[in-house]
Amino acid sequence: MKYRAAQTLVYSRDGEALLGCNFLAKSVFACDPDLISFLGGLTEWSDFDSVAEPMGMTTDDARATIERLVEVCAIVEEGSVLAEAEEEFRSGWKWGLPAAMMHFCVQNPDHMGLEESQALQRQKAATGQHPVLHTRNGGGHRIVKPLPGARNGNELIELMARRRTVRSAGRPMITLKQLSDCLFAGMGITGETTNGIVTLPLGMTPSGGARNPYEAYVYAINVEGLAPGFYHYSAADHDLGLVETNRMPKPSELVGGQDWADEMPCMILLCASLERTMWKYDDPNGYRVVLIEAGHIGQNIMLAATQNGLTACPTAALSHSAIRECLSLKGLMNTPVYALTLAVPGVENSIAA
């Protein structure tokens, strides 16, 4: 077996403590200057004896130390899953260290339950002033011109005003036509253009450089005319393709344990292919653009759901590894970003926003 220091390590202080972090593995460990110096010298694949020699330990102690460093992902074993992921990252990621830390460190987070979240909010409200959630004119901004009413007779704005997130289902099923409208509103391809280099698809939402980084997947639990399972939505052809998988988890297992999702008949999962945008944009601002695009798509899905008498409940509380397994997503550059459930809305006291 050969070893080398992990290639995706960063170091920081937490008070008096010095911490190391392998952001690709989401592993944080205590360290000191001597360990940093040791890891800094371990840049090439080396056998056990070469790694252990500078430690000045007995063989057993050196082996235990190396095993511990492998466990916390400070050291990587040749041929391991992490070693392969490092090579893929080093050869494919173009958006620099800060964007990489943001992206990989928010994968598979620990999610707070509803009761815990509400208790924390009550604690904050009791010890400090709640921030103002909108700013009115008339104080620091003098009112210059009242605007004409927006809702009167404007069907589009009335539709937008009716949109609500209702986290309960009034009926156990939605129709295939309702699902179809929501998918097309968010992801449908309506034309194409060219930039003189390649032909680019034009969709229902704006996309940076027309790179269209998103693919939509459907988890159908109770959709009329559609067998339960996972499906890929082809935006170019407006059809569904079955994803071969042996997993049919509760929907809540895909969205951080949010129990309300389990009564929803359908879930749309938006997964980004980062390399599509990265191919054109080397600047790490491209990562921000990809995340913004999920909001464009989600809003269209929510409006189409409202028009069809449904509620679309969006969430970014994702269980990334579970989603990747169910959809057979391969590679670091393909990642779940956003999810929306679809249902006929239930009781109004379940409104979230």
Protein backbone atom coordinates (compact mmCIF):
# COMPACT_ATOMS: atom_id res chain seq x y z
CA MET A 1 0.00 0.00 0.00
CA LYS A 2 1.21 3.50 -0.84
CA TYR A 3 0.21 6.78 0.72
CA ARG A 4 0.44 10.52 0.11
CA ALA A 5 -0.94 13.63 1.74
CA ALA A 6 -4.44 14.57 0.61
CA GLN A 7 -4.47 17.04 -2.26
CA THR A 8 -7.50 18.99 -1.04
CA LEU A 9 -6.36 20.17 2.39
CA VAL A 10 -6.76 23.65 3.88
CA TYR A 11 -5.83 24.89 7.33
CA SER A 12 -7.44 27.39 9.68
CA ARG A 13 -7.56 28.49 13.31
CA ASP A 14 -10.48 28.08 15.67
CA GLY A 15 -9.48 30.20 18.65
CA GLU A 16 -6.21 28.70 19.87
CA ALA A 17 -6.74 25.43 18.00
CA LEU A 18 -5.27 24.73 14.58
CA LEU A 19 -7.53 22.71 12.29
CA GLY A 20 -7.04 20.90 9.03
CA CYS A 21 -9.90 20.33 6.61
CA ASN A 22 -10.15 18.03 3.62
CA PHE A 23 -12.97 19.86 1.86
CA LEU A 24 -13.48 17.14 -0.73
CA ALA A 25 -14.17 14.60 2.03
CA LYS A 26 -15.80 17.08 4.46
CA SER A 27 -13.40 15.96 7.18
CA VAL A 28 -12.02 18.30 9.86
CA PHE A 29 -9.19 17.29 12.21
CA ALA A 30 -6.95 18.87 14.85
CA CYS A 31 -3.38 19.48 13.76
CA ASP A 32 -0.21 21.36 14.64
CA PRO A 33 2.71 22.90 12.73
CA ASP A 34 4.65 19.63 12.85
CA LEU A 35 1.80 17.71 11.21
CA ILE A 36 1.39 20.40 8.57
CA SER A 37 5.11 20.21 7.82
CA PHE A 38 4.94 16.40 7.65
CA LEU A 39 1.97 16.45 5.26
CA GLY A 40 3.62 19.15 3.19
CA GLY A 41 6.52 16.82 2.53
CA LEU A 42 4.38 13.83 1.60
CA THR A 43 3.57 14.90 -1.96
CA GLU A 44 4.37 11.66 -3.81
CA TRP A 45 3.00 8.14 -3.41
CA SER A 46 5.24 6.45 -0.84
CA ASP A 47 5.31 3.01 0.79
CA PHE A 48 4.77 2.50 4.51
CA ASP A 49 8.45 2.47 5.45
CA SER A 50 9.11 5.78 3.64
CA VAL A 51 6.14 7.42 5.33
CA ALA A 52 6.94 6.04 8.78
CA GLU A 53 10.67 6.81 8.81
CA PRO A 54 10.47 10.59 9.53
CA MET A 55 7.92 9.96 12.30
CA GLY A 56 10.54 8.57 14.65
CA MET A 57 8.06 6.05 16.10
CA THR A 58 7.90 2.33 16.59
CA THR A 59 6.41 0.43 13.67
CA ASP A 60 3.18 -0.21 15.55
CA ASP A 61 2.80 3.43 16.61
CA ALA A 62 3.59 4.67 13.10
CA ARG A 63 1.02 2.28 11.62
CA ALA A 64 -1.63 3.43 14.09
CA THR A 65 -0.84 7.08 13.34
CA ILE A 66 -1.00 6.58 9.59
CA GLU A 67 -4.29 4.70 9.91
CA ARG A 68 -5.68 7.58 11.96
CA LEU A 69 -4.51 10.12 9.37
CA VAL A 70 -6.15 8.05 6.64
CA GLU A 71 -9.34 7.90 8.71
CA VAL A 72 -9.55 11.70 8.95
CA CYS A 73 -8.57 12.03 5.26
CA ALA A 74 -5.31 13.85 5.93
CA ILE A 75 -3.52 11.01 4.14
CA VAL A 76 -4.93 9.13 1.13
CA GLU A 77 -4.37 5.51 0.16
CA GLU A 78 -3.43 4.85 -3.44
CA GLY A 79 -6.35 3.43 -5.43
CA SER A 80 -8.98 4.47 -2.87
CA VAL A 81 -12.26 6.16 -3.68
CA LEU A 82 -10.90 9.41 -2.26
CA ALA A 83 -7.74 9.17 -4.36
CA GLU A 84 -9.86 8.74 -7.50
CA ALA A 85 -12.05 11.68 -6.47
CA GLU A 86 -8.94 13.84 -5.98
CA GLU A 87 -7.73 13.05 -9.48
CA GLU A 88 -11.12 13.90 -10.93
CA PHE A 89 -11.18 17.15 -8.97
CA ARG A 90 -7.64 18.17 -9.98
CA SER A 91 -8.28 17.45 -13.66
CA GLY A 92 -11.81 18.84 -13.92
CA TRP A 93 -12.49 21.61 -11.39
CA LYS A 94 -11.78 25.07 -12.84
CA TRP A 95 -13.43 27.39 -10.33
CA GLY A 96 -10.68 27.64 -7.74
CA LEU A 97 -10.35 26.85 -4.06
CA PRO A 98 -13.01 29.14 -2.44
CA ALA A 99 -15.80 27.93 -4.75
CA ALA A 100 -14.68 24.31 -4.27
CA MET A 101 -14.81 24.65 -0.49
CA MET A 102 -18.31 26.11 -0.70
CA HIS A 103 -19.54 23.42 -3.06
CA PHE A 104 -18.15 20.31 -1.42
CA CYS A 105 -18.55 21.38 2.21
CA VAL A 106 -22.34 21.83 1.85
CA GLN A 107 -22.89 18.31 0.52
CA ASN A 108 -24.87 16.01 2.85
CA PRO A 109 -25.23 18.52 5.70
CA ASP A 110 -26.76 17.73 9.08
CA HIS A 111 -30.35 18.94 8.87
CA MET A 112 -32.25 20.44 11.77
CA GLY A 113 -35.73 19.08 12.49
CA LEU A 114 -38.80 21.32 12.58
CA GLU A 115 -39.19 21.28 16.38
CA GLU A 116 -35.49 22.01 16.91
CA SER A 117 -35.62 24.83 14.36
CA GLN A 118 -38.65 26.42 15.98
CA ALA A 119 -37.08 26.15 19.43
CA LEU A 120 -33.94 27.87 18.16
CA GLN A 121 -36.02 30.66 16.59
CA ARG A 122 -37.91 31.19 19.85
CA GLN A 123 -34.60 31.37 21.70
CA LYS A 124 -33.26 33.96 19.26
CA ALA A 125 -36.47 35.99 19.44
CA ALA A 126 -36.29 36.05 23.23
CA THR A 127 -32.69 37.27 23.34
CA GLY A 128 -32.53 39.68 20.41
CA GLN A 129 -34.59 41.76 18.02
CA HIS A 130 -35.93 40.00 14.94
CA PRO A 131 -34.55 41.54 11.71
CA VAL A 132 -36.97 43.60 9.62
CA LEU A 133 -38.01 41.51 6.61
CA HIS A 134 -38.77 44.41 4.25
CA THR A 135 -37.75 48.04 4.00
CA ARG A 136 -40.39 50.74 3.52
CA ASN A 137 -39.84 54.12 1.94
CA GLY A 138 -40.49 57.28 3.89
CA GLY A 139 -37.56 57.03 6.27
CA GLY A 140 -34.17 57.06 4.65
CA HIS A 141 -35.77 56.97 1.20
CA ARG A 142 -38.19 59.80 0.49
CA ILE A 143 -41.30 58.71 -1.43
CA VAL A 144 -41.04 60.25 -4.88
CA LYS A 145 -43.77 58.52 -6.87
CA PRO A 146 -46.56 56.10 -5.92
CA LEU A 147 -46.80 53.35 -8.54
CA PRO A 148 -49.95 52.16 -10.34
CA GLY A 149 -51.62 49.10 -8.87
CA ALA A 150 -50.03 45.91 -10.23
CA ARG A 151 -52.64 43.25 -9.57
CA ASN A 152 -55.76 44.82 -11.03
CA GLY A 153 -56.67 42.95 -14.22
CA ASN A 154 -53.20 41.44 -14.69
CA GLU A 155 -53.68 37.69 -15.00
CA LEU A 156 -49.98 36.86 -14.84
CA ILE A 157 -49.40 38.84 -11.66
CA GLU A 158 -52.58 37.43 -10.13
CA LEU A 159 -51.21 33.96 -10.83
CA MET A 160 -47.92 34.89 -9.16
CA ALA A 161 -49.79 36.27 -6.16
CA ARG A 162 -51.67 32.97 -5.71
CA ARG A 163 -48.45 30.94 -5.43
CA ARG A 164 -48.04 29.44 -1.98
CA THR A 165 -45.93 26.68 -0.45
CA VAL A 166 -48.34 24.29 1.24
CA ARG A 167 -46.59 21.36 2.88
CA SER A 168 -49.54 19.02 2.96
CA ALA A 169 -51.37 17.11 0.23
CA GLY A 170 -55.13 17.47 -0.19
CA ARG A 171 -55.27 14.49 -2.58
CA PRO A 172 -53.02 11.46 -2.94
CA MET A 173 -52.43 11.83 -6.70
CA ILE A 174 -51.57 14.31 -9.45
CA THR A 175 -52.14 13.83 -13.18
CA LEU A 176 -49.51 13.23 -15.84
CA LYS A 177 -50.65 16.43 -17.59
CA GLN A 178 -50.03 18.46 -14.44
CA LEU A 179 -46.54 17.00 -14.13
CA SER A 180 -45.91 17.57 -17.84
CA ASP A 181 -46.80 21.26 -17.62
CA CYS A 182 -44.55 21.79 -14.61
CA LEU A 183 -41.59 20.07 -16.27
CA PHE A 184 -41.97 21.98 -19.51
CA ALA A 185 -42.40 25.32 -17.73
CA GLY A 186 -39.15 24.78 -15.87
CA MET A 187 -37.00 22.90 -18.35
CA GLY A 188 -38.64 22.83 -21.79
CA ILE A 189 -36.51 23.61 -24.87
CA THR A 190 -38.17 26.15 -27.15
CA GLY A 191 -35.52 26.76 -29.80
CA GLU A 192 -31.83 27.00 -30.48
CA THR A 193 -29.15 29.51 -31.34
CA THR A 194 -25.47 29.49 -32.17
CA ASN A 195 -22.50 31.47 -30.92
CA GLY A 196 -20.43 30.62 -33.98
CA ILE A 197 -18.83 27.68 -32.16
CA VAL A 198 -21.64 25.35 -31.08
CA THR A 199 -25.41 25.13 -31.32
CA LEU A 200 -27.04 26.11 -28.03
CA PRO A 201 -30.51 25.23 -26.71
CA LEU A 202 -32.93 27.98 -25.73
CA GLY A 203 -35.15 27.10 -22.80
CA MET A 204 -38.02 28.43 -20.73
CA THR A 205 -35.63 30.18 -18.33
CA PRO A 206 -32.45 32.24 -18.81
CA SER A 207 -29.19 30.34 -18.63
CA GLY A 208 -25.71 31.85 -18.38
CA GLY A 209 -24.12 31.53 -21.82
CA ALA A 210 -27.05 29.26 -22.80
CA ARG A 211 -25.06 26.44 -21.19
CA ASN A 212 -28.21 24.83 -19.66
CA PRO A 213 -26.44 23.01 -16.82
CA TYR A 214 -29.55 21.36 -15.34
CA GLU A 215 -31.18 17.99 -15.79
CA ALA A 216 -34.52 17.25 -14.14
CA TYR A 217 -35.43 13.93 -12.58
CA VAL A 218 -38.88 12.90 -11.37
CA TYR A 219 -39.59 10.73 -8.37
CA ALA A 220 -43.12 9.58 -9.15
CA ILE A 221 -44.88 8.09 -6.15
CA ASN A 222 -48.50 8.56 -7.19
CA VAL A 223 -48.83 10.11 -10.65
CA GLU A 224 -51.82 9.04 -12.73
CA GLY A 225 -50.69 6.86 -15.65
CA LEU A 226 -47.09 6.60 -14.46
CA ALA A 227 -45.62 3.63 -12.62
CA PRO A 228 -43.85 4.54 -9.37
CA GLY A 229 -40.15 5.11 -9.83
CA PHE A 230 -37.43 7.55 -10.84
CA TYR A 231 -37.49 9.12 -14.30
CA HIS A 232 -35.21 11.40 -16.27
CA TYR A 233 -36.91 14.26 -18.10
CA SER A 234 -35.57 14.90 -21.61
CA ALA A 235 -36.11 18.61 -22.18
CA ALA A 236 -35.22 18.27 -25.87
CA ASP A 237 -37.83 15.57 -26.51
CA HIS A 238 -40.31 16.31 -23.70
CA ASP A 239 -40.47 12.71 -22.55
CA LEU A 240 -39.57 10.61 -19.52
CA GLY A 241 -37.00 7.83 -19.38
CA LEU A 242 -36.98 5.27 -16.58
CA VAL A 243 -33.96 5.33 -14.29
CA GLU A 244 -32.91 1.79 -13.43
CA THR A 245 -32.61 1.63 -9.65
CA ASN A 246 -33.43 -0.78 -6.84
CA ARG A 247 -34.11 2.04 -4.38
CA MET A 248 -37.54 3.45 -3.63
CA PRO A 249 -36.93 5.42 -0.41
CA LYS A 250 -39.39 7.60 1.42
CA PRO A 251 -39.26 11.07 -0.17
CA SER A 252 -38.18 12.50 3.19
CA GLU A 253 -34.97 10.46 2.96
CA LEU A 254 -33.97 12.57 -0.04
CA VAL A 255 -34.70 15.95 1.54
CA GLY A 256 -33.04 15.89 4.93
CA GLY A 257 -35.71 13.94 6.79
CA GLN A 258 -38.53 16.45 6.23
CA ASP A 259 -41.53 14.27 7.06
CA TRP A 260 -44.06 16.44 5.21
CA ALA A 261 -42.53 15.23 1.92
CA ASP A 262 -43.74 11.67 2.52
CA GLU A 263 -47.35 12.51 1.71
CA MET A 264 -46.46 14.23 -1.57
CA PRO A 265 -47.23 12.25 -4.75
CA CYS A 266 -44.31 13.58 -6.79
CA MET A 267 -40.88 15.20 -6.47
CA ILE A 268 -38.77 16.96 -9.10
CA LEU A 269 -35.02 16.86 -8.51
CA LEU A 270 -32.82 19.43 -10.27
CA CYS A 271 -29.26 18.22 -10.78
CA ALA A 272 -26.51 20.37 -12.25
CA SER A 273 -23.87 19.21 -14.70
CA LEU A 274 -21.24 21.75 -13.67
CA GLU A 275 -18.88 20.97 -16.53
CA ARG A 276 -21.36 22.43 -19.05
CA THR A 277 -20.99 25.89 -17.56
CA MET A 278 -17.36 25.34 -16.55
CA TRP A 279 -16.48 24.54 -20.19
CA LYS A 280 -17.11 28.17 -21.13
CA TYR A 281 -16.54 30.04 -17.89
CA ASP A 282 -13.27 29.50 -16.03
CA ASP A 283 -14.18 32.32 -13.62
CA PRO A 284 -15.59 30.98 -10.30
CA ASN A 285 -18.52 33.38 -10.71
CA GLY A 286 -19.84 30.66 -13.03
CA TYR A 287 -20.60 28.57 -9.95
CA ARG A 288 -22.83 31.33 -8.59
CA VAL A 289 -24.59 31.54 -11.95
CA VAL A 290 -25.40 27.81 -11.86
CA LEU A 291 -27.02 28.16 -8.43
CA ILE A 292 -29.04 31.19 -9.53
CA GLU A 293 -30.38 29.24 -12.50
CA ALA A 294 -31.96 26.69 -10.18
CA GLY A 295 -34.11 29.53 -8.83
CA HIS A 296 -35.23 30.52 -12.33
CA ILE A 297 -36.29 26.96 -13.11
CA GLY A 298 -37.93 26.43 -9.73
CA GLN A 299 -40.00 29.61 -10.03
CA ASN A 300 -41.38 28.54 -13.40
CA ILE A 301 -42.26 25.12 -12.00
CA MET A 302 -44.04 26.76 -9.06
CA LEU A 303 -46.07 29.06 -11.30
CA ALA A 304 -47.09 26.19 -13.60
CA ALA A 305 -48.07 24.20 -10.51
CA THR A 306 -50.22 27.11 -9.27
CA GLN A 307 -51.91 27.37 -12.68
CA ASN A 308 -52.69 23.64 -12.46
CA GLY A 309 -54.19 23.85 -8.97
CA LEU A 310 -51.07 22.38 -7.32
CA THR A 311 -48.57 23.51 -4.76
CA ALA A 312 -44.87 23.11 -5.51
CA CYS A 313 -42.82 23.01 -2.32
CA PRO A 314 -39.16 23.88 -2.92
CA THR A 315 -36.33 22.80 -0.66
CA ALA A 316 -32.55 22.99 -0.69
CA ALA A 317 -32.28 20.62 2.30
CA LEU A 318 -30.98 17.73 0.26
CA SER A 319 -29.48 14.37 1.16
CA HIS A 320 -26.97 14.48 -1.69
CA SER A 321 -25.53 10.96 -1.42
CA ALA A 322 -28.98 9.33 -1.27
CA ILE A 323 -30.14 11.27 -4.34
CA ARG A 324 -26.96 10.43 -6.25
CA GLU A 325 -27.43 6.74 -5.45
CA CYS A 326 -31.08 6.68 -6.51
CA LEU A 327 -30.36 8.49 -9.78
CA SER A 328 -27.05 6.71 -10.47
CA LEU A 329 -25.31 10.07 -10.83
CA LYS A 330 -21.62 9.62 -11.63
CA GLY A 331 -18.73 12.01 -11.19
CA LEU A 332 -18.01 15.02 -9.00
CA MET A 333 -19.35 17.44 -11.59
CA ASN A 334 -22.93 16.08 -11.49
CA THR A 335 -24.65 17.23 -8.34
CA PRO A 336 -28.15 17.66 -6.87
CA VAL A 337 -28.97 21.31 -6.18
CA TYR A 338 -32.72 21.78 -5.66
CA ALA A 339 -35.91 19.77 -5.16
CA LEU A 340 -39.61 20.57 -5.47
CA THR A 341 -42.55 18.39 -4.49
CA LEU A 342 -45.88 18.58 -6.33
CA ALA A 343 -49.31 18.01 -4.82
CA VAL A 344 -52.86 19.28 -4.63
CA PRO A 345 -52.60 21.60 -1.62
CA GLY A 346 -54.02 20.48 1.68
CA VAL A 347 -54.96 22.55 4.73
CA GLU A 348 -53.80 26.16 4.77
CA ASN A 349 -52.16 25.99 8.21
CA SER A 350 -49.32 24.07 6.55
CA ILE A 351 -48.27 27.09 4.49
CA ALA A 352 -44.54 27.74 4.73
CA ALA A 353 -44.05 30.77 2.47
